[in-house]
Amino acid sequence: MPLRQAALAALALALLAAPARAAFPDTSYDLGAGTRVEYRLVHPMHKVLGASGRLEGRVAVKGDRLATPLKIKLPLLTLDSGNKNRDGNALLALEANKFPKAVL
């Protein structure tokens, strides 16, 4: 079975099994300290893994649903690929001076 079909089958099984699980506790999660987001850059000459450890936001969960709208912010100046020149070019391309945060 091709990998994509296997992944879809596993997802379908997980969704079918979800109602049989115990109820999820009501809680909220702070996306501050200790939260990390990673991004990948694939170029014909090399591959790069970049990251930021400065997500901003809070997620509230009631049972198995979001209790509040999801709003996550990522300060673009915190993106770090390990190469300051590449990071500067990325910030120019993302217009970080006009849009300092990526918001979901």
Protein backbone atom coordinates (compact mmCIF):
# COMPACT_ATOMS: atom_id res chain seq x y z
CA MET A 1 0.00 0.00 0.00
CA PRO A 2 1.52 3.38 -0.96
CA LEU A 3 2.53 5.62 1.94
CA ARG A 4 -0.18 8.21 1.26
CA GLN A 5 -2.93 5.58 1.28
CA ALA A 6 -1.54 4.05 4.46
CA ALA A 7 -1.50 7.46 6.16
CA LEU A 8 -5.09 8.18 5.11
CA ALA A 9 -6.20 4.75 6.32
CA ALA A 10 -4.52 5.32 9.70
CA LEU A 11 -6.19 8.75 10.00
CA ALA A 12 -9.60 7.27 9.16
CA LEU A 13 -9.17 4.56 11.79
CA ALA A 14 -8.16 7.16 14.40
CA LEU A 15 -11.23 9.27 13.59
CA LEU A 16 -13.53 6.26 13.82
CA ALA A 17 -12.07 5.30 17.18
CA ALA A 18 -12.28 8.82 18.62
CA PRO A 19 -15.86 8.62 19.98
CA ALA A 20 -14.95 5.50 21.98
CA ARG A 21 -12.21 7.31 23.91
CA ALA A 22 -12.72 8.80 27.35
CA ALA A 23 -13.75 12.46 27.53
CA PHE A 24 -10.95 15.00 27.29
CA PRO A 25 -10.43 17.28 30.28
CA ASP A 26 -11.22 20.98 29.97
CA THR A 27 -7.96 22.89 30.00
CA SER A 28 -5.99 25.69 28.41
CA TYR A 29 -2.48 25.79 27.06
CA ASP A 30 -0.15 28.77 27.07
CA LEU A 31 1.92 28.84 23.89
CA GLY A 32 4.69 30.90 25.42
CA ALA A 33 7.88 29.56 26.97
CA GLY A 34 8.95 26.14 25.79
CA THR A 35 6.87 26.23 22.61
CA ARG A 36 8.80 25.87 19.38
CA VAL A 37 7.86 26.15 15.73
CA GLU A 38 10.09 24.79 12.96
CA TYR A 39 10.20 25.42 9.25
CA ARG A 40 12.06 23.72 6.44
CA LEU A 41 13.68 25.20 3.37
CA VAL A 42 14.54 22.91 0.49
CA HIS A 43 16.94 24.27 -2.11
CA PRO A 44 18.73 22.33 -4.88
CA MET A 45 22.04 22.98 -3.11
CA HIS A 46 21.01 22.33 0.49
CA LYS A 47 18.22 21.77 3.01
CA VAL A 48 17.72 24.01 6.01
CA LEU A 49 15.80 23.60 9.25
CA GLY A 50 14.90 26.88 10.91
CA ALA A 51 13.04 27.55 14.12
CA SER A 52 11.60 30.04 16.55
CA GLY A 53 10.89 29.53 20.22
CA ARG A 54 8.63 32.56 20.63
CA LEU A 55 5.06 31.64 19.82
CA GLU A 56 2.42 33.82 21.44
CA GLY A 57 -1.10 32.69 22.18
CA ARG A 58 -3.36 30.59 24.32
CA VAL A 59 -5.53 27.64 23.40
CA ALA A 60 -8.55 26.77 25.52
CA VAL A 61 -10.08 23.32 25.12
CA LYS A 62 -13.46 22.09 26.35
CA GLY A 63 -13.79 18.37 25.94
CA ASP A 64 -12.49 17.58 22.46
CA ARG A 65 -13.30 21.02 21.00
CA LEU A 66 -11.70 24.45 21.03
CA ALA A 67 -13.45 26.63 23.63
CA THR A 68 -12.21 29.87 22.10
CA PRO A 69 -11.13 30.87 18.61
CA LEU A 70 -7.57 29.84 17.89
CA LYS A 71 -5.19 32.80 17.59
CA ILE A 72 -1.46 32.21 17.46
CA LYS A 73 1.18 34.85 16.74
CA LEU A 74 4.79 34.36 15.68
CA PRO A 75 7.15 37.36 15.82
CA LEU A 76 8.99 37.09 12.49
CA LEU A 77 12.18 38.61 13.89
CA THR A 78 12.60 35.44 15.96
CA LEU A 79 12.97 33.15 12.91
CA ASP A 80 16.44 31.62 12.92
CA SER A 81 17.83 29.41 10.16
CA GLY A 82 21.40 29.55 11.42
CA ASN A 83 22.42 32.03 8.73
CA LYS A 84 21.90 35.75 9.41
CA ASN A 85 22.12 36.69 5.71
CA ARG A 86 19.43 34.14 4.77
CA ASP A 87 17.27 35.27 7.70
CA GLY A 88 17.57 38.91 6.62
CA ASN A 89 16.51 38.03 3.08
CA ALA A 90 13.57 36.04 4.42
CA LEU A 91 12.45 39.01 6.55
CA LEU A 92 12.59 41.26 3.48
CA ALA A 93 10.56 38.76 1.44
CA LEU A 94 7.99 38.46 4.26
CA GLU A 95 7.84 42.28 4.62
CA ALA A 96 8.48 41.92 8.34
CA ASN A 97 8.86 45.69 8.68
CA LYS A 98 5.16 46.07 7.69
CA PHE A 99 3.92 42.77 9.14
CA PRO A 100 6.06 41.96 12.20
CA LYS A 101 4.00 38.95 13.25
CA ALA A 102 2.56 35.98 11.40
CA VAL A 103 -0.95 35.37 12.77
CA LEU A 104 -3.04 32.23 12.57
